[in-house]
Amino acid sequence: MPAPSVAASARKGRRPQGPPLDDPPAPRRDSTVRTRRQARRRADAVLLLMGAPALLLLLLFNYLPMAGLVAAFEDYRPREGFLHSSWVGLENFRYLFTGSDTWHITYNTVLMNALIIAATLVCSLALALLLNEVRDRSPRAAKVYQSAMFLPFVFSWVVVSYFVLAFLDADHGLANQVLKAFGAHPVDWYSDPGPWRIVLVVVAVWKGVGFWVVAYLAAILAIDPAYYEAAAIDGASRWQQSRRITLPLLTPMISINLLLDVSHIFHADFGLFFQVPRNSTPLYPTTDVIDTYVYRSLTSLGDVGMSAAAGLYQAFVGFVLVVGANWLVRRRDPDKALF
């Protein structure tokens, strides 16, 4: 009897007889993993290409110059180079630390940086809180104020030095004109070191506070508004909201910024301490810091070894300070530590 056809079997509802059909091949896991790896590599290559200019600058100006630290232990002669200059060991450091000005310039550097860090932190937080209040009432006015505060940050120290000169010039400065108008004697500001600690702190805060106001304002805007709504329902004032909500939530950012500032406390802003006082010799008791001292030693005496020793001294102390400060912060609250 002949076997029923496929069509007849289908009409009767039975599965047609025939060779069993093979299941479709499952996709290979290896090919999927390989495809993902290739996509990740392409994405990483794009990111590396975008970061290549910054990495190149970092290599050229931060890492390659580290080879010159060997000059701190040599009697460096430009004609002989790093490889053939005579080795003097710690002699450059002995000369640096036995100098009559070393501890004074170290004191100036640490004190002035500490004052600038503290003043900038307080002013930037206060202005960021005030600007946030203005933004809630008039966003357009807040943008104007924010731009006005940020503008000095883009000025070079040369430009800032001329602004300061316009105020403090002995003959035509605005400060002396005001003093004369009130019957007081004019002051030769560039010969009197007394007021210059205050002058430098004010100038540094005026120039740098705009950047930190923008940074802290961005952090404030990232805070969940639900916190403020709940506090307002409970009857908290705007000052209580700032003190109990805003400032505590900004603490991690403040801690990291302070740690970074502490790492640079032995590195003074050269433009601030050299350009603004116009390298006036009578002001050295107040304005002379490690960086300006090293600059004068290098340009006047050509002492590369001592200059390299001072730079290594700054870097080592800054490294110790940031590691120690980070250790203290980590013991108190690991979430607020830098690393």
Protein backbone atom coordinates (compact mmCIF):
# COMPACT_ATOMS: atom_id res chain seq x y z
CA MET A 1 0.00 0.00 0.00
CA PRO A 2 1.55 3.30 -0.98
CA ALA A 3 2.49 5.75 1.78
CA PRO A 4 0.17 8.76 2.16
CA SER A 5 1.37 11.94 0.61
CA VAL A 6 2.55 14.92 2.61
CA ALA A 7 -0.47 17.00 1.59
CA ALA A 8 -2.85 14.19 2.61
CA SER A 9 -1.18 13.84 5.96
CA ALA A 10 -1.42 17.58 6.55
CA ARG A 11 -5.15 17.53 5.69
CA LYS A 12 -5.73 14.77 8.22
CA GLY A 13 -3.93 16.74 10.94
CA ARG A 14 -1.04 14.36 11.18
CA ARG A 15 2.62 15.38 11.03
CA PRO A 16 4.02 14.43 7.66
CA GLN A 17 6.36 11.53 7.64
CA GLY A 18 9.89 12.24 6.56
CA PRO A 19 13.39 12.74 7.80
CA PRO A 20 13.61 14.72 11.11
CA LEU A 21 14.41 18.40 10.73
CA ASP A 22 17.57 19.66 12.48
CA ASP A 23 17.25 22.56 15.00
CA PRO A 24 18.71 25.89 13.77
CA PRO A 25 22.29 26.39 14.92
CA ALA A 26 22.61 28.49 18.11
CA PRO A 27 24.71 31.65 17.79
CA ARG A 28 28.26 31.11 18.90
CA ARG A 29 29.17 32.75 22.21
CA ASP A 30 32.73 33.40 21.10
CA SER A 31 31.67 35.56 18.16
CA THR A 32 29.35 37.64 20.39
CA VAL A 33 32.09 38.28 22.94
CA ARG A 34 34.53 39.15 20.16
CA THR A 35 32.06 41.63 18.66
CA ARG A 36 31.55 43.33 22.02
CA ARG A 37 35.28 43.59 22.57
CA GLN A 38 35.78 45.15 19.16
CA ALA A 39 33.02 47.71 19.83
CA ARG A 40 34.55 48.55 23.21
CA ARG A 41 38.00 48.96 21.64
CA ARG A 42 36.59 51.28 18.98
CA ALA A 43 34.91 53.38 21.68
CA ASP A 44 38.12 53.45 23.73
CA ALA A 45 40.11 54.46 20.66
CA VAL A 46 37.82 57.43 20.08
CA LEU A 47 38.19 58.52 23.72
CA LEU A 48 41.97 58.14 23.58
CA LEU A 49 42.07 60.17 20.38
CA MET A 50 40.06 62.94 22.03
CA GLY A 51 42.33 62.92 25.08
CA ALA A 52 45.58 62.69 23.09
CA PRO A 53 46.32 66.47 23.03
CA ALA A 54 45.88 66.76 26.80
CA LEU A 55 47.94 63.63 27.40
CA LEU A 56 50.67 64.99 25.14
CA LEU A 57 50.79 68.28 27.04
CA LEU A 58 50.85 66.37 30.33
CA LEU A 59 53.75 64.26 29.09
CA LEU A 60 55.74 67.20 27.74
CA PHE A 61 55.30 69.63 30.62
CA ASN A 62 54.78 67.36 33.65
CA TYR A 63 56.52 64.04 33.20
CA LEU A 64 59.48 64.66 30.90
CA PRO A 65 60.77 67.57 33.03
CA MET A 66 60.95 65.19 36.00
CA ALA A 67 64.18 63.88 34.52
CA GLY A 68 65.70 67.26 35.39
CA LEU A 69 65.26 66.54 39.11
CA VAL A 70 68.67 64.90 38.98
CA ALA A 71 70.08 68.44 38.76
CA ALA A 72 69.12 68.87 42.43
CA PHE A 73 71.99 66.52 43.28
CA GLU A 74 74.52 67.90 40.79
CA ASP A 75 76.65 70.95 40.22
CA TYR A 76 74.84 71.37 36.95
CA ARG A 77 76.73 72.88 34.01
CA PRO A 78 74.76 73.46 30.79
CA ARG A 79 77.74 72.54 28.62
CA GLU A 80 78.18 69.22 30.40
CA GLY A 81 74.50 68.32 30.67
CA PHE A 82 72.79 66.12 33.21
CA LEU A 83 74.90 63.06 32.49
CA HIS A 84 78.34 64.63 32.87
CA SER A 85 77.84 67.32 35.53
CA SER A 86 79.64 66.59 38.79
CA TRP A 87 77.63 64.86 41.51
CA VAL A 88 77.37 66.83 44.78
CA GLY A 89 74.78 64.80 46.66
CA LEU A 90 72.78 66.87 49.16
CA GLU A 91 75.00 69.94 48.91
CA ASN A 92 72.34 71.96 47.07
CA PHE A 93 69.82 71.18 49.81
CA ARG A 94 72.31 72.17 52.52
CA TYR A 95 72.87 75.49 50.75
CA LEU A 96 69.11 75.98 50.39
CA PHE A 97 68.23 75.28 54.02
CA THR A 98 71.14 77.15 55.56
CA GLY A 99 70.35 80.33 53.64
CA SER A 100 69.14 83.29 55.64
CA ASP A 101 65.95 83.67 53.57
CA THR A 102 64.80 80.06 53.26
CA TRP A 103 62.60 79.82 56.33
CA HIS A 104 61.22 83.30 55.80
CA ILE A 105 60.09 82.58 52.25
CA THR A 106 58.67 79.23 53.39
CA TYR A 107 56.68 81.04 56.08
CA ASN A 108 55.44 83.59 53.54
CA THR A 109 54.44 80.85 51.10
CA VAL A 110 52.47 78.78 53.61
CA LEU A 111 50.86 81.75 55.36
CA MET A 112 49.75 83.53 52.19
CA ASN A 113 48.42 80.35 50.58
CA ALA A 114 46.51 79.46 53.75
CA LEU A 115 44.94 82.92 53.89
CA ILE A 116 44.03 82.81 50.19
CA ILE A 117 42.54 79.30 50.47
CA ALA A 118 40.43 80.21 53.50
CA ALA A 119 39.24 83.55 52.10
CA THR A 120 38.42 82.07 48.69
CA LEU A 121 36.46 79.20 50.24
CA VAL A 122 34.37 81.43 52.49
CA CYS A 123 33.68 84.05 49.79
CA SER A 124 32.87 81.52 47.07
CA LEU A 125 30.43 79.58 49.27
CA ALA A 126 28.72 82.77 50.44
CA LEU A 127 28.42 84.15 46.91
CA ALA A 128 27.19 80.82 45.54
CA LEU A 129 24.44 80.70 48.17
CA LEU A 130 23.46 84.31 47.46
CA LEU A 131 23.53 83.74 43.70
CA ASN A 132 21.27 80.72 44.14
CA GLU A 133 18.77 82.91 45.98
CA VAL A 134 18.93 85.52 43.20
CA ARG A 135 18.44 82.79 40.58
CA ASP A 136 15.19 81.70 42.24
CA ARG A 137 13.83 85.24 41.99
CA SER A 138 15.41 86.56 38.78
CA PRO A 139 17.32 84.10 36.56
CA ARG A 140 18.37 86.85 34.15
CA ALA A 141 19.95 88.94 36.93
CA ALA A 142 21.69 85.83 38.26
CA LYS A 143 23.33 85.25 34.87
CA VAL A 144 24.58 88.85 34.80
CA TYR A 145 26.04 88.58 38.31
CA GLN A 146 27.60 85.21 37.54
CA SER A 147 29.28 86.54 34.39
CA ALA A 148 30.55 89.61 36.25
CA MET A 149 32.08 87.45 38.98
CA PHE A 150 33.65 85.02 36.51
CA LEU A 151 35.16 87.70 34.25
CA PRO A 152 38.28 88.44 36.37
CA PHE A 153 39.21 84.75 36.24
CA VAL A 154 40.06 85.01 32.53
CA PHE A 155 42.36 88.01 32.99
CA SER A 156 46.10 87.36 32.96
CA TRP A 157 48.18 88.43 35.93
CA VAL A 158 49.85 91.07 33.77
CA VAL A 159 46.46 92.72 33.18
CA VAL A 160 45.57 92.39 36.85
CA SER A 161 48.88 93.99 37.84
CA TYR A 162 47.97 97.09 35.82
CA PHE A 163 44.55 97.22 37.49
CA VAL A 164 46.28 97.16 40.88
CA LEU A 165 48.75 99.81 39.71
CA ALA A 166 45.84 102.05 38.71
CA PHE A 167 44.62 101.87 42.31
CA LEU A 168 47.94 101.98 44.18
CA ASP A 169 50.22 104.17 42.08
CA ALA A 170 51.92 106.70 44.35
CA ASP A 171 51.24 109.70 42.10
CA HIS A 172 48.04 109.00 40.19
CA GLY A 173 46.51 105.98 41.92
CA LEU A 174 42.88 106.03 42.95
CA ALA A 175 43.69 105.09 46.56
CA ASN A 176 45.97 108.09 47.06
CA GLN A 177 43.47 110.39 45.37
CA VAL A 178 40.84 109.30 47.89
CA LEU A 179 43.28 109.79 50.77
CA LYS A 180 44.08 113.30 49.56
CA ALA A 181 40.39 114.11 49.26
CA PHE A 182 39.96 113.29 52.95
CA GLY A 183 43.05 115.26 53.94
CA ALA A 184 45.27 112.24 54.62
CA HIS A 185 48.84 111.83 53.44
CA PRO A 186 49.40 109.70 50.32
CA VAL A 187 51.10 106.34 50.74
CA ASP A 188 53.93 104.94 48.64
CA TRP A 189 52.28 101.56 48.34
CA TYR A 190 55.09 99.89 46.40
CA SER A 191 57.63 100.75 49.10
CA ASP A 192 55.61 99.79 52.19
CA PRO A 193 55.35 96.00 52.73
CA GLY A 194 52.83 96.33 55.58
CA PRO A 195 49.51 96.35 53.65
CA TRP A 196 50.55 93.86 51.01
CA ARG A 197 49.37 90.71 52.73
CA ILE A 198 45.83 92.11 52.64
CA VAL A 199 46.30 93.47 49.11
CA LEU A 200 47.46 90.12 47.73
CA VAL A 201 44.68 88.18 49.45
CA VAL A 202 42.02 90.59 48.15
CA VAL A 203 43.42 90.46 44.61
CA ALA A 204 43.66 86.65 44.65
CA VAL A 205 40.09 86.28 45.89
CA TRP A 206 38.78 88.84 43.39
CA LYS A 207 40.41 87.00 40.51
CA GLY A 208 39.68 83.42 41.52
CA VAL A 209 36.38 83.47 43.36
CA GLY A 210 34.27 83.51 40.19
CA PHE A 211 35.47 80.06 39.14
CA TRP A 212 34.58 78.50 42.48
CA VAL A 213 31.23 80.29 42.61
CA VAL A 214 30.30 78.60 39.33
CA ALA A 215 31.52 75.22 40.62
CA TYR A 216 29.65 75.44 43.92
CA LEU A 217 26.52 76.81 42.24
CA ALA A 218 26.50 73.82 39.88
CA ALA A 219 26.74 71.51 42.90
CA ILE A 220 23.88 73.36 44.62
CA LEU A 221 21.66 73.04 41.53
CA ALA A 222 22.30 69.28 41.53
CA ILE A 223 20.74 68.88 45.00
CA ASP A 224 17.30 67.24 44.94
CA PRO A 225 14.64 69.99 45.36
CA ALA A 226 12.57 67.58 47.46
CA TYR A 227 14.85 68.29 50.43
CA TYR A 228 14.04 71.99 50.29
CA GLU A 229 10.33 71.34 49.78
CA ALA A 230 10.20 69.11 52.85
CA ALA A 231 12.14 71.67 54.89
CA ALA A 232 9.81 74.48 53.76
CA ILE A 233 6.78 72.42 54.82
CA ASP A 234 8.38 72.02 58.25
CA GLY A 235 8.75 75.80 58.47
CA ALA A 236 12.53 76.08 57.88
CA SER A 237 13.78 79.48 56.78
CA ARG A 238 16.08 79.97 53.78
CA TRP A 239 19.07 80.37 56.10
CA GLN A 240 18.17 77.15 57.94
CA GLN A 241 17.81 75.33 54.63
CA SER A 242 21.24 76.53 53.54
CA ARG A 243 22.83 75.62 56.87
CA ARG A 244 21.12 72.27 57.36
CA ILE A 245 20.79 71.01 53.77
CA THR A 246 23.00 72.84 51.29
CA LEU A 247 26.25 73.07 53.24
CA PRO A 248 26.22 69.45 54.51
CA LEU A 249 25.57 68.15 50.99
CA LEU A 250 28.44 70.30 49.67
CA THR A 251 30.87 68.92 52.26
CA PRO A 252 32.33 66.14 50.02
CA MET A 253 33.12 68.66 47.28
CA ILE A 254 34.59 71.11 49.80
CA SER A 255 36.76 68.36 51.30
CA ILE A 256 38.19 67.34 47.93
CA ASN A 257 38.89 70.95 46.96
CA LEU A 258 40.66 71.57 50.27
CA LEU A 259 42.77 68.44 49.81
CA LEU A 260 43.83 69.61 46.36
CA ASP A 261 44.60 73.08 47.72
CA VAL A 262 46.69 71.63 50.56
CA SER A 263 48.78 69.73 48.03
CA HIS A 264 49.73 73.08 46.45
CA ILE A 265 50.21 75.06 49.64
CA PHE A 266 53.99 75.11 49.07
CA HIS A 267 53.51 76.32 45.48
CA ALA A 268 52.66 80.00 45.32
CA ASP A 269 50.99 81.58 42.30
CA PHE A 270 54.00 83.14 40.57
CA GLY A 271 51.97 85.78 38.73
CA LEU A 272 50.30 86.96 41.92
CA PHE A 273 53.53 87.35 43.88
CA PHE A 274 55.75 88.56 41.05
CA GLN A 275 53.61 90.56 38.64
CA VAL A 276 51.18 92.26 41.04
CA PRO A 277 53.89 93.70 43.38
CA ARG A 278 55.90 94.47 40.21
CA ASN A 279 58.95 92.72 41.70
CA SER A 280 59.49 95.65 44.06
CA THR A 281 62.49 94.98 46.30
CA PRO A 282 61.11 96.84 49.38
CA LEU A 283 58.13 94.48 49.35
CA TYR A 284 60.20 91.27 49.58
CA PRO A 285 59.61 90.85 53.37
CA THR A 286 55.93 90.28 52.56
CA THR A 287 55.74 89.18 48.92
CA ASP A 288 58.82 86.99 48.54
CA VAL A 289 57.84 83.31 48.34
CA ILE A 290 59.62 80.12 47.29
CA ASP A 291 58.72 80.48 43.62
CA THR A 292 59.92 84.07 43.28
CA TYR A 293 63.08 83.27 45.27
CA VAL A 294 63.88 80.35 42.97
CA TYR A 295 63.19 82.50 39.90
CA ARG A 296 65.63 85.16 41.05
CA SER A 297 68.24 82.54 41.94
CA LEU A 298 67.93 81.04 38.49
CA THR A 299 67.93 84.29 36.51
CA SER A 300 70.44 86.27 38.58
CA LEU A 301 72.86 83.56 39.74
CA GLY A 302 72.20 80.84 37.18
CA ASP A 303 72.13 78.28 40.02
CA VAL A 304 70.17 75.46 38.40
CA GLY A 305 71.07 72.94 41.11
CA MET A 306 69.68 75.01 43.96
CA SER A 307 66.55 75.86 41.94
CA ALA A 308 65.96 72.17 41.24
CA ALA A 309 66.49 71.39 44.93
CA ALA A 310 63.88 73.98 45.90
CA GLY A 311 61.42 72.54 43.37
CA LEU A 312 61.94 69.02 44.70
CA TYR A 313 61.50 70.32 48.25
CA GLN A 314 58.16 71.89 47.27
CA ALA A 315 56.95 68.74 45.53
CA PHE A 316 57.96 66.40 48.36
CA VAL A 317 56.37 68.49 51.12
CA GLY A 318 53.20 68.95 49.05
CA PHE A 319 52.99 65.19 48.49
CA VAL A 320 53.42 64.48 52.21
CA LEU A 321 50.78 67.07 53.12
CA VAL A 322 48.14 65.79 50.70
CA VAL A 323 48.71 62.14 51.72
CA GLY A 324 48.53 63.05 55.40
CA ALA A 325 45.44 65.22 54.99
CA ASN A 326 43.73 62.53 52.92
CA TRP A 327 44.55 59.94 55.60
CA LEU A 328 42.93 62.11 58.27
CA VAL A 329 39.83 62.67 56.12
CA ARG A 330 39.59 58.95 55.31
CA ARG A 331 39.67 58.05 59.00
CA ARG A 332 36.79 60.42 59.67
CA ASP A 333 34.68 59.78 56.56
CA PRO A 334 35.99 57.58 53.69
CA ASP A 335 33.40 59.00 51.27
CA LYS A 336 34.98 62.45 51.51
CA ALA A 337 38.56 61.29 50.88
CA LEU A 338 40.38 62.01 47.64
CA PHE A 339 41.77 58.47 47.28
